[in-house]
Amino acid sequence: MLLFLDVDGTLLPFGAVGAAGSSGPVGAYPLYAPAFPLPAEAADHPLLARVDPALGALLASLGCELVWATTWMDDANTCLAPWLGLPPLPVVDWPDADDDGRTGLHWKTRPLVSWAAGRDFVWVDDEVTDDDRVWVAGHHPGRALVHRVEAQRGLTDEDFVVLEEWIRG
């Protein structure tokens, strides 16, 4: 089973609610120290400290083939994989043409279903909608979970419960 993994808003929270319910990034993100040795290319990346390195072990424990489904492309392997203690992962190579927006689908939806080639998959992203879920259900012959993550928090324990139950079920 594949697990398509977005980065921005999924592993890397953004748009957090600030103090006293105000909106905007007011330093509300927890910051983490590296748990694994980092290559020089990743050591000074300004956003990595927002990513909990423990997510790597949690993702690996799901027993899926992890695949980067992000605009970070190969930078996900250069920066994030070492930060998370993961090996280099396959990267979805996005087509040059985005979905034209008239379908209501996320621009990743069709390419990910194509990439899965009928295999069961989980897609975790902060931008998916019911339109994507309906389209995947109608166009993908395997099992698929299209799971929305709250961008302000990124992947949480509650998300992992949902993923584990669906994968095991």
Protein backbone atom coordinates (compact mmCIF):
# COMPACT_ATOMS: atom_id res chain seq x y z
CA MET A 1 0.00 0.00 0.00
CA LEU A 2 1.23 3.47 -0.90
CA LEU A 3 1.13 6.50 1.35
CA PHE A 4 1.35 9.76 -0.60
CA LEU A 5 2.80 12.37 1.72
CA ASP A 6 2.44 16.12 1.30
CA VAL A 7 4.80 18.44 3.20
CA ASP A 8 3.47 21.99 3.55
CA GLY A 9 0.58 21.94 6.02
CA THR A 10 0.94 18.19 6.54
CA LEU A 11 4.40 17.66 8.02
CA LEU A 12 5.20 21.36 8.21
CA PRO A 13 2.42 23.26 10.01
CA PHE A 14 1.64 26.79 8.88
CA GLY A 15 -0.98 29.46 9.49
CA ALA A 16 -1.09 28.64 13.21
CA VAL A 17 -3.48 30.44 15.51
CA GLY A 18 -1.55 32.89 17.64
CA ALA A 19 -2.03 34.00 21.22
CA ALA A 20 -5.56 34.56 22.56
CA GLY A 21 -7.19 33.22 19.42
CA SER A 22 -5.74 35.79 17.05
CA SER A 23 -4.91 34.48 13.62
CA GLY A 24 -1.46 34.54 12.12
CA PRO A 25 1.88 33.01 12.96
CA VAL A 26 2.76 34.51 16.34
CA GLY A 27 5.44 32.00 17.22
CA ALA A 28 2.78 29.42 18.02
CA TYR A 29 4.65 26.58 16.34
CA PRO A 30 6.52 24.13 18.51
CA LEU A 31 10.16 23.96 17.48
CA TYR A 32 12.24 20.78 17.42
CA ALA A 33 15.94 20.00 17.45
CA PRO A 34 17.35 17.55 14.93
CA ALA A 35 17.17 13.97 16.17
CA PHE A 36 19.32 12.56 13.36
CA PRO A 37 22.54 13.64 11.64
CA LEU A 38 21.78 16.06 8.82
CA PRO A 39 23.64 16.63 5.58
CA ALA A 40 25.03 20.13 5.09
CA GLU A 41 22.25 20.92 2.56
CA ALA A 42 19.62 20.42 5.26
CA ALA A 43 21.37 21.71 8.37
CA ASP A 44 20.43 25.38 7.87
CA HIS A 45 16.97 24.96 6.37
CA PRO A 46 14.83 27.59 8.13
CA LEU A 47 11.58 25.56 8.28
CA LEU A 48 12.75 22.13 9.42
CA ALA A 49 12.57 23.02 13.11
CA ARG A 50 8.75 23.09 12.78
CA VAL A 51 8.70 19.43 11.73
CA ASP A 52 8.56 16.92 14.59
CA PRO A 53 11.31 14.35 13.85
CA ALA A 54 9.23 11.70 15.66
CA LEU A 55 6.83 11.73 12.70
CA GLY A 56 9.34 9.68 10.70
CA ALA A 57 9.06 6.65 12.99
CA LEU A 58 5.27 7.01 13.14
CA LEU A 59 5.00 7.11 9.36
CA ALA A 60 7.36 4.14 8.96
CA SER A 61 5.33 2.14 11.50
CA LEU A 62 2.25 2.33 9.25
CA GLY A 63 3.84 -0.30 7.01
CA CYS A 64 3.15 1.57 3.77
CA GLU A 65 5.48 2.48 0.94
CA LEU A 66 6.00 6.17 1.64
CA VAL A 67 6.04 8.45 -1.41
CA TRP A 68 6.67 12.20 -1.46
CA ALA A 69 3.65 13.94 -3.03
CA THR A 70 4.85 17.50 -2.64
CA THR A 71 6.14 20.49 -4.54
CA TRP A 72 9.34 20.06 -2.52
CA MET A 73 10.24 17.36 -5.07
CA ASP A 74 13.81 16.06 -4.46
CA ASP A 75 14.34 18.63 -1.69
CA ALA A 76 12.09 16.39 0.41
CA ASN A 77 14.78 13.70 0.24
CA THR A 78 17.62 16.17 0.73
CA CYS A 79 16.12 17.94 3.76
CA LEU A 80 13.09 16.16 5.22
CA ALA A 81 14.01 12.49 4.93
CA PRO A 82 17.21 12.94 6.99
CA TRP A 83 15.37 15.17 9.50
CA LEU A 84 12.74 12.44 9.94
CA GLY A 85 15.25 9.58 10.00
CA LEU A 86 13.81 8.13 6.79
CA PRO A 87 15.66 6.78 3.77
CA PRO A 88 15.23 8.58 0.45
CA LEU A 89 11.66 8.04 -0.76
CA PRO A 90 10.16 7.90 -4.24
CA VAL A 91 9.00 11.33 -5.44
CA VAL A 92 5.93 11.93 -7.59
CA ASP A 93 7.03 13.81 -10.68
CA TRP A 94 4.22 16.26 -11.36
CA PRO A 95 3.03 16.95 -14.91
CA ASP A 96 3.71 20.40 -16.31
CA ALA A 97 0.00 21.18 -16.76
CA ASP A 98 -2.12 21.68 -13.66
CA ASP A 99 -5.79 20.73 -13.52
CA ASP A 100 -7.60 23.71 -15.00
CA GLY A 101 -9.62 24.29 -11.80
CA ARG A 102 -13.04 23.87 -13.42
CA THR A 103 -13.42 20.35 -12.05
CA GLY A 104 -13.04 21.36 -8.41
CA LEU A 105 -10.26 18.79 -8.05
CA HIS A 106 -6.95 19.43 -6.39
CA TRP A 107 -4.22 19.55 -9.04
CA LYS A 108 -2.56 16.47 -7.46
CA THR A 109 -5.64 14.22 -7.61
CA ARG A 110 -5.40 12.84 -11.15
CA PRO A 111 -1.59 12.43 -11.12
CA LEU A 112 -1.69 10.52 -7.81
CA VAL A 113 -4.39 8.13 -9.03
CA SER A 114 -2.33 7.60 -12.17
CA TRP A 115 0.86 7.05 -10.14
CA ALA A 116 -0.90 4.51 -7.91
CA ALA A 117 -1.77 2.46 -11.01
CA GLY A 118 -4.56 0.59 -9.24
CA ARG A 119 -2.63 -0.03 -6.00
CA ASP A 120 -4.28 0.77 -2.68
CA PHE A 121 -3.20 4.14 -1.31
CA VAL A 122 -3.53 6.73 1.40
CA TRP A 123 -3.08 10.40 0.52
CA VAL A 124 -2.49 12.85 3.37
CA ASP A 125 -2.68 16.52 2.43
CA ASP A 126 -4.05 19.74 3.89
CA GLU A 127 -5.79 20.83 0.68
CA VAL A 128 -7.98 17.88 -0.29
CA THR A 129 -11.76 18.19 -0.40
CA ASP A 130 -14.81 15.99 -0.80
CA ASP A 131 -14.54 16.57 -4.58
CA ASP A 132 -11.20 14.77 -4.53
CA ARG A 133 -12.59 11.91 -2.44
CA VAL A 134 -15.57 11.44 -4.77
CA TRP A 135 -13.40 11.56 -7.90
CA VAL A 136 -10.90 9.06 -6.49
CA ALA A 137 -13.72 6.69 -5.46
CA GLY A 138 -15.11 6.81 -9.00
CA HIS A 139 -11.82 6.54 -10.89
CA HIS A 140 -9.54 4.34 -8.78
CA PRO A 141 -10.11 0.58 -8.75
CA GLY A 142 -8.25 -0.04 -5.47
CA ARG A 143 -8.91 1.07 -1.93
CA ALA A 144 -8.04 4.70 -1.26
CA LEU A 145 -8.17 7.02 1.72
CA VAL A 146 -7.95 10.72 0.92
CA HIS A 147 -7.27 12.25 4.35
CA ARG A 148 -7.28 15.97 5.08
CA VAL A 149 -4.82 17.26 7.68
CA GLU A 150 -5.36 20.59 9.41
CA ALA A 151 -2.61 22.85 8.05
CA GLN A 152 -2.31 24.81 11.30
CA ARG A 153 -1.39 21.67 13.25
CA GLY A 154 0.05 19.27 10.68
CA LEU A 155 -0.17 15.52 11.31
CA THR A 156 -1.39 14.76 14.83
CA ASP A 157 -1.95 11.67 16.95
CA GLU A 158 -5.62 11.82 15.92
CA ASP A 159 -4.64 11.66 12.24
CA PHE A 160 -2.46 8.63 12.92
CA VAL A 161 -5.38 6.86 14.62
CA VAL A 162 -7.49 7.40 11.49
CA LEU A 163 -4.67 6.24 9.20
CA GLU A 164 -3.87 3.14 11.28
CA GLU A 165 -7.52 2.08 11.52
CA TRP A 166 -8.05 2.48 7.77
CA ILE A 167 -4.81 0.70 6.83
CA ARG A 168 -5.46 -2.20 9.24
CA GLY A 169 -9.16 -2.40 8.30
